């Protein structure tokens, strides 16, 4: 998942085009998101990015008595860089782990069916 909702569609399309993948399947796969896990995933990614960047205080300082939309956006600026770094690093880690797992599973699958023929 990209920290820029919507921008990940463009990224997925370019990657699909460069790697000669099925563009429709790639775009559909980018929008498979469980609404119950998106908040914990982004929260963990932001925390992870803050730890990597050695940022101590990432919580926005908001005046809750007179909060409005623009104050929330301004307060969220401190979260943007940790979110970007965290989602990128975790995405890289889990994509490599997923690639290795699928590669090993395909090898075992092929070895099983080639030996039984």
PDB file of N, CA and C in Angstrom:
ATOM      1  N   UNK A   1       0.843  -1.177   0.000  1.00  0.00           N
ATOM      2  CA  UNK A   1       0.000   0.000   0.000  1.00  0.00           C
ATOM      3  C   UNK A   1       0.884   1.234   0.000  1.00  0.00           C
ATOM      4  N   UNK A   2       0.452   2.166  -0.764  1.00  0.00           N
ATOM      5  CA  UNK A   2       1.183   3.420  -0.848  1.00  0.00           C
ATOM      6  C   UNK A   2       0.638   4.399   0.185  1.00  0.00           C
ATOM      7  N   UNK A   3       1.482   5.243   0.737  1.00  0.00           N
ATOM      8  CA  UNK A   3       0.957   6.255   1.654  1.00  0.00           C
ATOM      9  C   UNK A   3       0.106   7.295   0.947  1.00  0.00           C
ATOM     10  N   UNK A   4       0.191   7.348  -0.354  1.00  0.00           N
ATOM     11  CA  UNK A   4      -0.606   8.281  -1.140  1.00  0.00           C
ATOM     12  C   UNK A   4      -1.721   7.502  -1.824  1.00  0.00           C
ATOM     13  N   UNK A   5      -2.861   7.392  -1.139  1.00  0.00           N
ATOM     14  CA  UNK A   5      -3.969   6.634  -1.698  1.00  0.00           C
ATOM     15  C   UNK A   5      -4.336   7.215  -3.057  1.00  0.00           C
ATOM     16  N   UNK A   6      -4.418   6.383  -4.051  1.00  0.00           N
ATOM     17  CA  UNK A   6      -4.697   6.813  -5.413  1.00  0.00           C
ATOM     18  C   UNK A   6      -3.432   6.855  -6.261  1.00  0.00           C
ATOM     19  N   UNK A   7      -2.335   7.328  -5.700  1.00  0.00           N
ATOM     20  CA  UNK A   7      -1.078   7.392  -6.432  1.00  0.00           C
ATOM     21  C   UNK A   7      -0.521   5.994  -6.679  1.00  0.00           C
ATOM     22  N   UNK A   8      -0.861   5.060  -5.781  1.00  0.00           N
ATOM     23  CA  UNK A   8      -0.357   3.704  -5.961  1.00  0.00           C
ATOM     24  C   UNK A   8      -0.936   3.048  -7.215  1.00  0.00           C
ATOM     25  N   UNK A   9      -2.062   3.555  -7.716  1.00  0.00           N
ATOM     26  CA  UNK A   9      -2.612   3.046  -8.967  1.00  0.00           C
ATOM     27  C   UNK A   9      -1.654   3.335 -10.121  1.00  0.00           C
ATOM     28  N   UNK A  10      -1.155   4.557 -10.162  1.00  0.00           N
ATOM     29  CA  UNK A  10      -0.196   4.920 -11.211  1.00  0.00           C
ATOM     30  C   UNK A  10       1.086   4.117 -11.091  1.00  0.00           C
ATOM     31  N   UNK A  11       1.565   3.963  -9.877  1.00  0.00           N
ATOM     32  CA  UNK A  11       2.788   3.182  -9.659  1.00  0.00           C
ATOM     33  C   UNK A  11       2.578   1.742 -10.121  1.00  0.00           C
ATOM     34  N   UNK A  12       1.443   1.146  -9.750  1.00  0.00           N
ATOM     35  CA  UNK A  12       1.160  -0.244 -10.132  1.00  0.00           C
ATOM     36  C   UNK A  12       1.069  -0.383 -11.649  1.00  0.00           C
ATOM     37  N   UNK A  13       0.442   0.586 -12.309  1.00  0.00           N
ATOM     38  CA  UNK A  13       0.319   0.515 -13.765  1.00  0.00           C
ATOM     39  C   UNK A  13       1.685   0.597 -14.436  1.00  0.00           C
ATOM     40  N   UNK A  14       2.537   1.489 -13.971  1.00  0.00           N
ATOM     41  CA  UNK A  14       3.877   1.621 -14.558  1.00  0.00           C
ATOM     42  C   UNK A  14       4.684   0.349 -14.326  1.00  0.00           C
ATOM     43  N   UNK A  15       4.624  -0.202 -13.115  1.00  0.00           N
ATOM     44  CA  UNK A  15       5.354  -1.443 -12.824  1.00  0.00           C
ATOM     45  C   UNK A  15       4.818  -2.578 -13.696  1.00  0.00           C
ATOM     46  N   UNK A  16       3.497  -2.666 -13.850  1.00  0.00           N
ATOM     47  CA  UNK A  16       2.911  -3.709 -14.699  1.00  0.00           C
ATOM     48  C   UNK A  16       3.353  -3.555 -16.147  1.00  0.00           C
ATOM     49  N   UNK A  17       3.430  -2.323 -16.615  1.00  0.00           N
ATOM     50  CA  UNK A  17       3.845  -2.071 -18.000  1.00  0.00           C
ATOM     51  C   UNK A  17       5.320  -2.418 -18.199  1.00  0.00           C
ATOM     52  N   UNK A  18       6.174  -1.991 -17.250  1.00  0.00           N
ATOM     53  CA  UNK A  18       7.619  -2.251 -17.367  1.00  0.00           C
ATOM     54  C   UNK A  18       7.910  -3.742 -17.271  1.00  0.00           C
ATOM     55  N   UNK A  19       7.226  -4.436 -16.376  1.00  0.00           N
ATOM     56  CA  UNK A  19       7.487  -5.868 -16.167  1.00  0.00           C
ATOM     57  C   UNK A  19       6.641  -6.763 -17.061  1.00  0.00           C
ATOM     58  N   UNK A  20       5.849  -6.157 -17.954  1.00  0.00           N
ATOM     59  CA  UNK A  20       4.996  -6.897 -18.872  1.00  0.00           C
ATOM     60  C   UNK A  20       4.020  -7.814 -18.135  1.00  0.00           C
ATOM     61  N   UNK A  21       3.362  -7.267 -17.102  1.00  0.00           N
ATOM     62  CA  UNK A  21       2.379  -8.007 -16.324  1.00  0.00           C
ATOM     63  C   UNK A  21       0.983  -7.667 -16.809  1.00  0.00           C
ATOM     64  N   UNK A  22       0.005  -8.436 -16.377  1.00  0.00           N
ATOM     65  CA  UNK A  22      -1.384  -8.158 -16.703  1.00  0.00           C
ATOM     66  C   UNK A  22      -1.806  -6.879 -15.975  1.00  0.00           C
ATOM     67  N   UNK A  23      -2.091  -5.836 -16.731  1.00  0.00           N
ATOM     68  CA  UNK A  23      -2.388  -4.529 -16.145  1.00  0.00           C
ATOM     69  C   UNK A  23      -3.695  -4.532 -15.364  1.00  0.00           C
ATOM     70  N   UNK A  24      -4.717  -5.209 -15.873  1.00  0.00           N
ATOM     71  CA  UNK A  24      -6.003  -5.258 -15.183  1.00  0.00           C
ATOM     72  C   UNK A  24      -5.871  -5.947 -13.825  1.00  0.00           C
ATOM     73  N   UNK A  25      -5.237  -7.087 -13.794  1.00  0.00           N
ATOM     74  CA  UNK A  25      -5.062  -7.831 -12.547  1.00  0.00           C
ATOM     75  C   UNK A  25      -4.219  -7.017 -11.560  1.00  0.00           C
ATOM     76  N   UNK A  26      -3.197  -6.356 -12.048  1.00  0.00           N
ATOM     77  CA  UNK A  26      -2.343  -5.545 -11.180  1.00  0.00           C
ATOM     78  C   UNK A  26      -3.120  -4.401 -10.554  1.00  0.00           C
ATOM     79  N   UNK A  27      -3.936  -3.706 -11.339  1.00  0.00           N
ATOM     80  CA  UNK A  27      -4.728  -2.594 -10.804  1.00  0.00           C
ATOM     81  C   UNK A  27      -5.752  -3.106  -9.801  1.00  0.00           C
ATOM     82  N   UNK A  28      -6.419  -4.213 -10.103  1.00  0.00           N
ATOM     83  CA  UNK A  28      -7.398  -4.785  -9.171  1.00  0.00           C
ATOM     84  C   UNK A  28      -6.711  -5.178  -7.867  1.00  0.00           C
ATOM     85  N   UNK A  29      -5.531  -5.758  -7.959  1.00  0.00           N
ATOM     86  CA  UNK A  29      -4.812  -6.200  -6.758  1.00  0.00           C
ATOM     87  C   UNK A  29      -4.389  -5.030  -5.878  1.00  0.00           C
ATOM     88  N   UNK A  30      -4.177  -3.861  -6.471  1.00  0.00           N
ATOM     89  CA  UNK A  30      -3.787  -2.717  -5.648  1.00  0.00           C
ATOM     90  C   UNK A  30      -4.943  -2.211  -4.787  1.00  0.00           C
ATOM     91  N   UNK A  31      -6.157  -2.557  -5.155  1.00  0.00           N
ATOM     92  CA  UNK A  31      -7.318  -2.082  -4.395  1.00  0.00           C
ATOM     93  C   UNK A  31      -7.917  -3.131  -3.476  1.00  0.00           C
ATOM     94  N   UNK A  32      -7.230  -4.241  -3.285  1.00  0.00           N
ATOM     95  CA  UNK A  32      -7.691  -5.229  -2.318  1.00  0.00           C
ATOM     96  C   UNK A  32      -7.140  -4.810  -0.956  1.00  0.00           C
ATOM     97  N   UNK A  33      -7.998  -4.166  -0.198  1.00  0.00           N
ATOM     98  CA  UNK A  33      -7.608  -3.675   1.114  1.00  0.00           C
ATOM     99  C   UNK A  33      -8.720  -3.999   2.096  1.00  0.00           C
ATOM    100  N   UNK A  34      -8.357  -4.563   3.182  1.00  0.00           N
ATOM    101  CA  UNK A  34      -9.307  -4.863   4.233  1.00  0.00           C
ATOM    102  C   UNK A  34      -9.534  -3.601   5.054  1.00  0.00           C
ATOM    103  N   UNK A  35     -10.758  -3.072   5.104  1.00  0.00           N
ATOM    104  CA  UNK A  35     -10.992  -1.818   5.836  1.00  0.00           C
ATOM    105  C   UNK A  35     -10.746  -1.939   7.342  1.00  0.00           C
ATOM    106  N   UNK A  36     -10.740  -3.144   7.860  1.00  0.00           N
ATOM    107  CA  UNK A  36     -10.499  -3.326   9.287  1.00  0.00           C
ATOM    108  C   UNK A  36      -9.015  -3.298   9.637  1.00  0.00           C
ATOM    109  N   UNK A  37      -8.156  -3.493   8.635  1.00  0.00           N
ATOM    110  CA  UNK A  37      -6.723  -3.529   8.917  1.00  0.00           C
ATOM    111  C   UNK A  37      -5.956  -2.321   8.387  1.00  0.00           C
ATOM    112  N   UNK A  38      -6.597  -1.458   7.603  1.00  0.00           N
ATOM    113  CA  UNK A  38      -5.860  -0.341   6.998  1.00  0.00           C
ATOM    114  C   UNK A  38      -5.333   0.616   8.076  1.00  0.00           C
ATOM    115  N   UNK A  39      -6.106   0.880   9.117  1.00  0.00           N
ATOM    116  CA  UNK A  39      -5.641   1.790  10.172  1.00  0.00           C
ATOM    117  C   UNK A  39      -4.485   1.183  10.959  1.00  0.00           C
ATOM    118  N   UNK A  40      -4.582  -0.082  11.407  1.00  0.00           N
ATOM    119  CA  UNK A  40      -3.406  -0.653  12.091  1.00  0.00           C
ATOM    120  C   UNK A  40      -2.170  -0.756  11.203  1.00  0.00           C
ATOM    121  N   UNK A  41      -2.361  -1.043   9.916  1.00  0.00           N
ATOM    122  CA  UNK A  41      -1.214  -1.151   8.998  1.00  0.00           C
ATOM    123  C   UNK A  41      -0.530   0.199   8.869  1.00  0.00           C
ATOM    124  N   UNK A  42      -1.308   1.264   8.637  1.00  0.00           N
ATOM    125  CA  UNK A  42      -0.712   2.596   8.509  1.00  0.00           C
ATOM    126  C   UNK A  42      -0.130   3.081   9.826  1.00  0.00           C
ATOM    127  N   UNK A  43      -0.773   2.760  10.940  1.00  0.00           N
ATOM    128  CA  UNK A  43      -0.236   3.161  12.247  1.00  0.00           C
ATOM    129  C   UNK A  43       1.103   2.468  12.506  1.00  0.00           C
ATOM    130  N   UNK A  44       1.178   1.157  12.231  1.00  0.00           N
ATOM    131  CA  UNK A  44       2.436   0.444  12.429  1.00  0.00           C
ATOM    132  C   UNK A  44       3.504   0.946  11.473  1.00  0.00           C
ATOM    133  N   UNK A  45       3.121   1.214  10.234  1.00  0.00           N
ATOM    134  CA  UNK A  45       4.086   1.724   9.256  1.00  0.00           C
ATOM    135  C   UNK A  45       4.643   3.075   9.685  1.00  0.00           C
ATOM    136  N   UNK A  46       3.784   3.941  10.197  1.00  0.00           N
ATOM    137  CA  UNK A  46       4.233   5.251  10.671  1.00  0.00           C
ATOM    138  C   UNK A  46       5.158   5.096  11.867  1.00  0.00           C
ATOM    139  N   UNK A  47       4.796   4.230  12.805  1.00  0.00           N
ATOM    140  CA  UNK A  47       5.649   3.985  13.977  1.00  0.00           C
ATOM    141  C   UNK A  47       7.002   3.425  13.539  1.00  0.00           C
ATOM    142  N   UNK A  48       6.985   2.476  12.605  1.00  0.00           N
ATOM    143  CA  UNK A  48       8.220   1.871  12.111  1.00  0.00           C
ATOM    144  C   UNK A  48       9.097   2.905  11.418  1.00  0.00           C
ATOM    145  N   UNK A  49       8.492   3.751  10.592  1.00  0.00           N
ATOM    146  CA  UNK A  49       9.236   4.815   9.926  1.00  0.00           C
ATOM    147  C   UNK A  49       9.819   5.806  10.920  1.00  0.00           C
ATOM    148  N   UNK A  50       9.064   6.119  11.969  1.00  0.00           N
ATOM    149  CA  UNK A  50       9.568   7.036  13.001  1.00  0.00           C
ATOM    150  C   UNK A  50      10.763   6.426  13.735  1.00  0.00           C
ATOM    151  N   UNK A  51      10.705   5.132  13.983  1.00  0.00           N
ATOM    152  CA  UNK A  51      11.836   4.458  14.639  1.00  0.00           C
ATOM    153  C   UNK A  51      13.070   4.458  13.729  1.00  0.00           C
ATOM    154  N   UNK A  52      12.869   4.223  12.436  1.00  0.00           N
ATOM    155  CA  UNK A  52      13.992   4.235  11.504  1.00  0.00           C
ATOM    156  C   UNK A  52      14.612   5.629  11.381  1.00  0.00           C
ATOM    157  N   UNK A  53      13.763   6.656  11.414  1.00  0.00           N
ATOM    158  CA  UNK A  53      14.239   8.036  11.292  1.00  0.00           C
ATOM    159  C   UNK A  53      14.661   8.637  12.625  1.00  0.00           C
ATOM    160  N   UNK A  54      14.505   7.866  13.697  1.00  0.00           N
ATOM    161  CA  UNK A  54      14.824   8.303  15.059  1.00  0.00           C
ATOM    162  C   UNK A  54      14.045   9.572  15.428  1.00  0.00           C
ATOM    163  N   UNK A  55      12.755   9.553  15.110  1.00  0.00           N
ATOM    164  CA  UNK A  55      11.857  10.647  15.462  1.00  0.00           C
ATOM    165  C   UNK A  55      11.167  10.270  16.762  1.00  0.00           C
ATOM    166  N   UNK A  56      11.303  11.115  17.768  1.00  0.00           N
ATOM    167  CA  UNK A  56      10.743  10.800  19.083  1.00  0.00           C
ATOM    168  C   UNK A  56       9.260  11.138  19.179  1.00  0.00           C
ATOM    169  N   UNK A  57       8.907  12.375  18.854  1.00  0.00           N
ATOM    170  CA  UNK A  57       7.542  12.836  19.066  1.00  0.00           C
ATOM    171  C   UNK A  57       6.868  13.064  17.717  1.00  0.00           C
ATOM    172  N   UNK A  58       6.039  12.098  17.297  1.00  0.00           N
ATOM    173  CA  UNK A  58       5.377  12.248  16.003  1.00  0.00           C
ATOM    174  C   UNK A  58       3.915  12.633  16.147  1.00  0.00           C
ATOM    175  N   UNK A  59       3.396  12.595  17.364  1.00  0.00           N
ATOM    176  CA  UNK A  59       1.991  12.941  17.544  1.00  0.00           C
ATOM    177  C   UNK A  59       1.784  14.432  17.331  1.00  0.00           C
ATOM    178  N   UNK A  60       0.773  14.791  16.537  1.00  0.00           N
ATOM    179  CA  UNK A  60       0.532  16.215  16.274  1.00  0.00           C
ATOM    180  C   UNK A  60       0.054  16.943  17.516  1.00  0.00           C
ATOM    181  N   UNK A  61       0.466  18.185  17.647  1.00  0.00           N
ATOM    182  CA  UNK A  61       0.053  19.029  18.765  1.00  0.00           C
ATOM    183  C   UNK A  61      -1.157  19.846  18.315  1.00  0.00           C
ATOM    184  N   UNK A  62      -2.353  19.365  18.689  1.00  0.00           N
ATOM    185  CA  UNK A  62      -3.586  20.010  18.262  1.00  0.00           C
ATOM    186  C   UNK A  62      -4.285  20.672  19.441  1.00  0.00           C
ATOM    187  N   UNK A  63      -4.895  21.799  19.183  1.00  0.00           N
ATOM    188  CA  UNK A  63      -5.738  22.466  20.168  1.00  0.00           C
ATOM    189  C   UNK A  63      -7.137  21.869  20.018  1.00  0.00           C
ATOM    190  N   UNK A  64      -7.466  20.897  20.856  1.00  0.00           N
ATOM    191  CA  UNK A  64      -8.703  20.151  20.697  1.00  0.00           C
ATOM    192  C   UNK A  64      -9.953  20.995  20.983  1.00  0.00           C
ATOM    193  N   UNK A  65      -9.790  22.120  21.655  1.00  0.00           N
ATOM    194  CA  UNK A  65     -10.940  22.986  21.926  1.00  0.00           C
ATOM    195  C   UNK A  65     -11.423  23.677  20.657  1.00  0.00           C
ATOM    196  N   UNK A  66     -10.510  23.986  19.762  1.00  0.00           N
ATOM    197  CA  UNK A  66     -10.870  24.690  18.531  1.00  0.00           C
ATOM    198  C   UNK A  66     -10.283  23.987  17.307  1.00  0.00           C
ATOM    199  N   UNK A  67     -10.450  22.698  17.240  1.00  0.00           N
ATOM    200  CA  UNK A  67      -9.873  21.939  16.142  1.00  0.00           C
ATOM    201  C   UNK A  67     -10.732  22.095  14.882  1.00  0.00           C
ATOM    202  N   UNK A  68     -10.053  22.199  13.737  1.00  0.00           N
ATOM    203  CA  UNK A  68     -10.745  22.214  12.454  1.00  0.00           C
ATOM    204  C   UNK A  68      -9.927  21.385  11.459  1.00  0.00           C
ATOM    205  N   UNK A  69     -10.452  21.242  10.271  1.00  0.00           N
ATOM    206  CA  UNK A  69      -9.837  20.386   9.272  1.00  0.00           C
ATOM    207  C   UNK A  69      -8.419  20.825   8.923  1.00  0.00           C
ATOM    208  N   UNK A  70      -8.200  22.124   8.785  1.00  0.00           N
ATOM    209  CA  UNK A  70      -6.880  22.628   8.393  1.00  0.00           C
ATOM    210  C   UNK A  70      -5.849  22.448   9.504  1.00  0.00           C
ATOM    211  N   UNK A  71      -6.274  22.551  10.758  1.00  0.00           N
ATOM    212  CA  UNK A  71      -5.351  22.288  11.862  1.00  0.00           C
ATOM    213  C   UNK A  71      -4.948  20.814  11.889  1.00  0.00           C
ATOM    214  N   UNK A  72      -5.887  19.950  11.576  1.00  0.00           N
ATOM    215  CA  UNK A  72      -5.576  18.520  11.522  1.00  0.00           C
ATOM    216  C   UNK A  72      -4.576  18.241  10.406  1.00  0.00           C
ATOM    217  N   UNK A  73      -4.802  18.817   9.228  1.00  0.00           N
ATOM    218  CA  UNK A  73      -3.858  18.628   8.114  1.00  0.00           C
ATOM    219  C   UNK A  73      -2.474  19.157   8.455  1.00  0.00           C
ATOM    220  N   UNK A  74      -2.428  20.318   9.077  1.00  0.00           N
ATOM    221  CA  UNK A  74      -1.140  20.898   9.452  1.00  0.00           C
ATOM    222  C   UNK A  74      -0.451  20.036  10.517  1.00  0.00           C
ATOM    223  N   UNK A  75      -1.227  19.511  11.438  1.00  0.00           N
ATOM    224  CA  UNK A  75      -0.662  18.650  12.476  1.00  0.00           C
ATOM    225  C   UNK A  75      -0.160  17.329  11.929  1.00  0.00           C
ATOM    226  N   UNK A  76      -0.755  16.867  10.839  1.00  0.00           N
ATOM    227  CA  UNK A  76      -0.366  15.593  10.254  1.00  0.00           C
ATOM    228  C   UNK A  76       0.923  15.673   9.447  1.00  0.00           C
ATOM    229  N   UNK A  77       1.451  16.856   9.204  1.00  0.00           N
ATOM    230  CA  UNK A  77       2.690  16.996   8.439  1.00  0.00           C
ATOM    231  C   UNK A  77       3.848  16.266   9.108  1.00  0.00           C
ATOM    232  N   UNK A  78       3.840  16.220  10.434  1.00  0.00           N
ATOM    233  CA  UNK A  78       4.925  15.534  11.136  1.00  0.00           C
ATOM    234  C   UNK A  78       4.862  14.022  10.937  1.00  0.00           C
ATOM    235  N   UNK A  79       3.717  13.517  10.488  1.00  0.00           N
ATOM    236  CA  UNK A  79       3.556  12.080  10.275  1.00  0.00           C
ATOM    237  C   UNK A  79       3.903  11.645   8.855  1.00  0.00           C
ATOM    238  N   UNK A  80       4.008  12.591   7.934  1.00  0.00           N
ATOM    239  CA  UNK A  80       4.144  12.239   6.522  1.00  0.00           C
ATOM    240  C   UNK A  80       5.453  11.512   6.204  1.00  0.00           C
ATOM    241  N   UNK A  81       6.574  12.046   6.612  1.00  0.00           N
ATOM    242  CA  UNK A  81       7.858  11.398   6.297  1.00  0.00           C
ATOM    243  C   UNK A  81       7.984  10.029   6.979  1.00  0.00           C
ATOM    244  N   UNK A  82       7.650   9.891   8.270  1.00  0.00           N
ATOM    245  CA  UNK A  82       7.687   8.538   8.850  1.00  0.00           C
ATOM    246  C   UNK A  82       6.739   7.564   8.150  1.00  0.00           C
ATOM    247  N   UNK A  83       5.588   8.042   7.698  1.00  0.00           N
ATOM    248  CA  UNK A  83       4.651   7.177   6.982  1.00  0.00           C
ATOM    249  C   UNK A  83       5.252   6.716   5.663  1.00  0.00           C
ATOM    250  N   UNK A  84       5.850   7.623   4.917  1.00  0.00           N
ATOM    251  CA  UNK A  84       6.449   7.265   3.622  1.00  0.00           C
ATOM    252  C   UNK A  84       7.602   6.280   3.812  1.00  0.00           C
ATOM    253  N   UNK A  85       8.491   6.580   4.743  1.00  0.00           N
ATOM    254  CA  UNK A  85       9.644   5.698   4.987  1.00  0.00           C
ATOM    255  C   UNK A  85       9.183   4.338   5.508  1.00  0.00           C
ATOM    256  N   UNK A  86       8.235   4.344   6.437  1.00  0.00           N
ATOM    257  CA  UNK A  86       7.753   3.094   7.015  1.00  0.00           C
ATOM    258  C   UNK A  86       7.052   2.201   6.007  1.00  0.00           C
ATOM    259  N   UNK A  87       6.151   2.786   5.205  1.00  0.00           N
ATOM    260  CA  UNK A  87       5.449   1.968   4.216  1.00  0.00           C
ATOM    261  C   UNK A  87       6.401   1.454   3.138  1.00  0.00           C
ATOM    262  N   UNK A  88       7.369   2.275   2.740  1.00  0.00           N
ATOM    263  CA  UNK A  88       8.328   1.827   1.729  1.00  0.00           C
ATOM    264  C   UNK A  88       9.179   0.673   2.260  1.00  0.00           C
ATOM    265  N   UNK A  89       9.737   0.836   3.451  1.00  0.00           N
ATOM    266  CA  UNK A  89      10.623  -0.203   3.998  1.00  0.00           C
ATOM    267  C   UNK A  89       9.864  -1.489   4.298  1.00  0.00           C
ATOM    268  N   UNK A  90       8.699  -1.380   4.926  1.00  0.00           N
ATOM    269  CA  UNK A  90       7.921  -2.588   5.213  1.00  0.00           C
ATOM    270  C   UNK A  90       7.429  -3.246   3.934  1.00  0.00           C
ATOM    271  N   UNK A  91       7.036  -2.437   2.946  1.00  0.00           N
ATOM    272  CA  UNK A  91       6.625  -2.998   1.660  1.00  0.00           C
ATOM    273  C   UNK A  91       7.755  -3.755   0.996  1.00  0.00           C
ATOM    274  N   UNK A  92       8.955  -3.190   1.063  1.00  0.00           N
ATOM    275  CA  UNK A  92      10.115  -3.856   0.484  1.00  0.00           C
ATOM    276  C   UNK A  92      10.414  -5.166   1.211  1.00  0.00           C
ATOM    277  N   UNK A  93      10.395  -5.127   2.528  1.00  0.00           N
ATOM    278  CA  UNK A  93      10.673  -6.332   3.327  1.00  0.00           C
ATOM    279  C   UNK A  93       9.656  -7.432   3.035  1.00  0.00           C
ATOM    280  N   UNK A  94       8.369  -7.085   3.092  1.00  0.00           N
ATOM    281  CA  UNK A  94       7.337  -8.099   2.905  1.00  0.00           C
ATOM    282  C   UNK A  94       7.205  -8.548   1.456  1.00  0.00           C
ATOM    283  N   UNK A  95       7.526  -7.689   0.510  1.00  0.00           N
ATOM    284  CA  UNK A  95       7.485  -8.137  -0.886  1.00  0.00           C
ATOM    285  C   UNK A  95       8.614  -9.124  -1.159  1.00  0.00           C
ATOM    286  N   UNK A  96       9.786  -8.889  -0.599  1.00  0.00           N
ATOM    287  CA  UNK A  96      10.883  -9.851  -0.767  1.00  0.00           C
ATOM    288  C   UNK A  96      10.558 -11.173  -0.078  1.00  0.00           C
ATOM    289  N   UNK A  97       9.997 -11.104   1.126  1.00  0.00           N
ATOM    290  CA  UNK A  97       9.612 -12.329   1.835  1.00  0.00           C
ATOM    291  C   UNK A  97       8.520 -13.075   1.066  1.00  0.00           C
ATOM    292  N   UNK A  98       7.559 -12.342   0.532  1.00  0.00           N
ATOM    293  CA  UNK A  98       6.492 -12.971  -0.254  1.00  0.00           C
ATOM    294  C   UNK A  98       7.025 -13.600  -1.533  1.00  0.00           C
ATOM    295  N   UNK A  99       7.958 -12.905  -2.182  1.00  0.00           N
ATOM    296  CA  UNK A  99       8.554 -13.458  -3.403  1.00  0.00           C
ATOM    297  C   UNK A  99       9.263 -14.774  -3.103  1.00  0.00           C
ATOM    298  N   UNK A 100      10.046 -14.789  -2.046  1.00  0.00           N
ATOM    299  CA  UNK A 100      10.786 -16.010  -1.689  1.00  0.00           C
ATOM    300  C   UNK A 100       9.818 -17.137  -1.344  1.00  0.00           C
ATOM    301  N   UNK A 101       8.760 -16.832  -0.597  1.00  0.00           N
ATOM    302  CA  UNK A 101       7.785 -17.862  -0.221  1.00  0.00           C
ATOM    303  C   UNK A 101       7.077 -18.428  -1.445  1.00  0.00           C
ATOM    304  N   UNK A 102       6.656 -17.570  -2.362  1.00  0.00           N
ATOM    305  CA  UNK A 102       5.962 -18.040  -3.564  1.00  0.00           C
ATOM    306  C   UNK A 102       6.929 -18.801  -4.460  1.00  0.00           C
ATOM    307  N   UNK A 103       8.156 -18.329  -4.589  1.00  0.00           N
ATOM    308  CA  UNK A 103       9.150 -19.014  -5.406  1.00  0.00           C
ATOM    309  C   UNK A 103       9.398 -20.432  -4.888  1.00  0.00           C
ATOM    310  N   UNK A 104       9.559 -20.547  -3.574  1.00  0.00           N
ATOM    311  CA  UNK A 104       9.798 -21.876  -2.988  1.00  0.00           C
ATOM    312  C   UNK A 104       8.575 -22.778  -3.157  1.00  0.00           C
ATOM    313  N   UNK A 105       7.380 -22.217  -2.996  1.00  0.00           N
ATOM    314  CA  UNK A 105       6.161 -23.015  -3.157  1.00  0.00           C
ATOM    315  C   UNK A 105       6.006 -23.495  -4.601  1.00  0.00           C
ATOM    316  N   UNK A 106       6.301 -22.657  -5.563  1.00  0.00           N
ATOM    317  CA  UNK A 106       6.206 -23.052  -6.974  1.00  0.00           C
ATOM    318  C   UNK A 106       7.240 -24.125  -7.291  1.00  0.00           C
ATOM    319  N   UNK A 107       8.443 -23.980  -6.748  1.00  0.00           N
ATOM    320  CA  UNK A 107       9.472 -25.017  -6.980  1.00  0.00           C
ATOM    321  C   UNK A 107       9.037 -26.365  -6.418  1.00  0.00           C
ATOM    322  N   UNK A 108       8.477 -26.366  -5.198  1.00  0.00           N
ATOM    323  CA  UNK A 108       8.020 -27.627  -4.592  1.00  0.00           C
ATOM    324  C   UNK A 108       6.841 -28.199  -5.381  1.00  0.00           C
ATOM    325  N   UNK A 109       5.948 -27.334  -5.818  1.00  0.00           N
ATOM    326  CA  UNK A 109       4.793 -27.776  -6.605  1.00  0.00           C
ATOM    327  C   UNK A 109       5.254 -28.424  -7.901  1.00  0.00           C
ATOM    328  N   UNK A 110       6.168 -27.778  -8.589  1.00  0.00           N
ATOM    329  CA  UNK A 110       6.676 -28.329  -9.854  1.00  0.00           C
ATOM    330  C   UNK A 110       7.451 -29.621  -9.628  1.00  0.00           C
ATOM    331  N   UNK A 111       8.244 -29.660  -8.554  1.00  0.00           N
ATOM    332  CA  UNK A 111       9.018 -30.884  -8.267  1.00  0.00           C
ATOM    333  C   UNK A 111       8.082 -32.042  -7.940  1.00  0.00           C
ATOM    334  N   UNK A 112       7.004 -31.773  -7.232  1.00  0.00           N
ATOM    335  CA  UNK A 112       6.053 -32.835  -6.865  1.00  0.00           C
ATOM    336  C   UNK A 112       5.373 -33.388  -8.115  1.00  0.00           C
ATOM    337  N   UNK A 113       4.900 -32.502  -8.993  1.00  0.00           N
ATOM    338  CA  UNK A 113       4.171 -32.990 -10.155  1.00  0.00           C
ATOM    339  C   UNK A 113       5.092 -33.514 -11.247  1.00  0.00           C
ATOM    340  N   UNK A 114       6.345 -33.076 -11.298  1.00  0.00           N
ATOM    341  CA  UNK A 114       7.285 -33.640 -12.266  1.00  0.00           C
ATOM    342  C   UNK A 114       7.769 -35.011 -11.838  1.00  0.00           C
ATOM    343  N   UNK A 115       7.864 -35.256 -10.532  1.00  0.00           N
ATOM    344  CA  UNK A 115       8.325 -36.557 -10.061  1.00  0.00           C
ATOM    345  C   UNK A 115       7.218 -37.602 -10.129  1.00  0.00           C
ATOM    346  N   UNK A 116       5.961 -37.179 -10.082  1.00  0.00           N
ATOM    347  CA  UNK A 116       4.854 -38.145 -10.115  1.00  0.00           C
ATOM    348  C   UNK A 116       4.449 -38.503 -11.535  1.00  0.00           C
ATOM    349  N   UNK A 117       5.011 -37.847 -12.528  1.00  0.00           N
ATOM    350  CA  UNK A 117       4.645 -38.146 -13.936  1.00  0.00           C
ATOM    351  C   UNK A 117       5.356 -39.349 -14.464  1.00  0.00           C
TER     352      UNK A 117
END
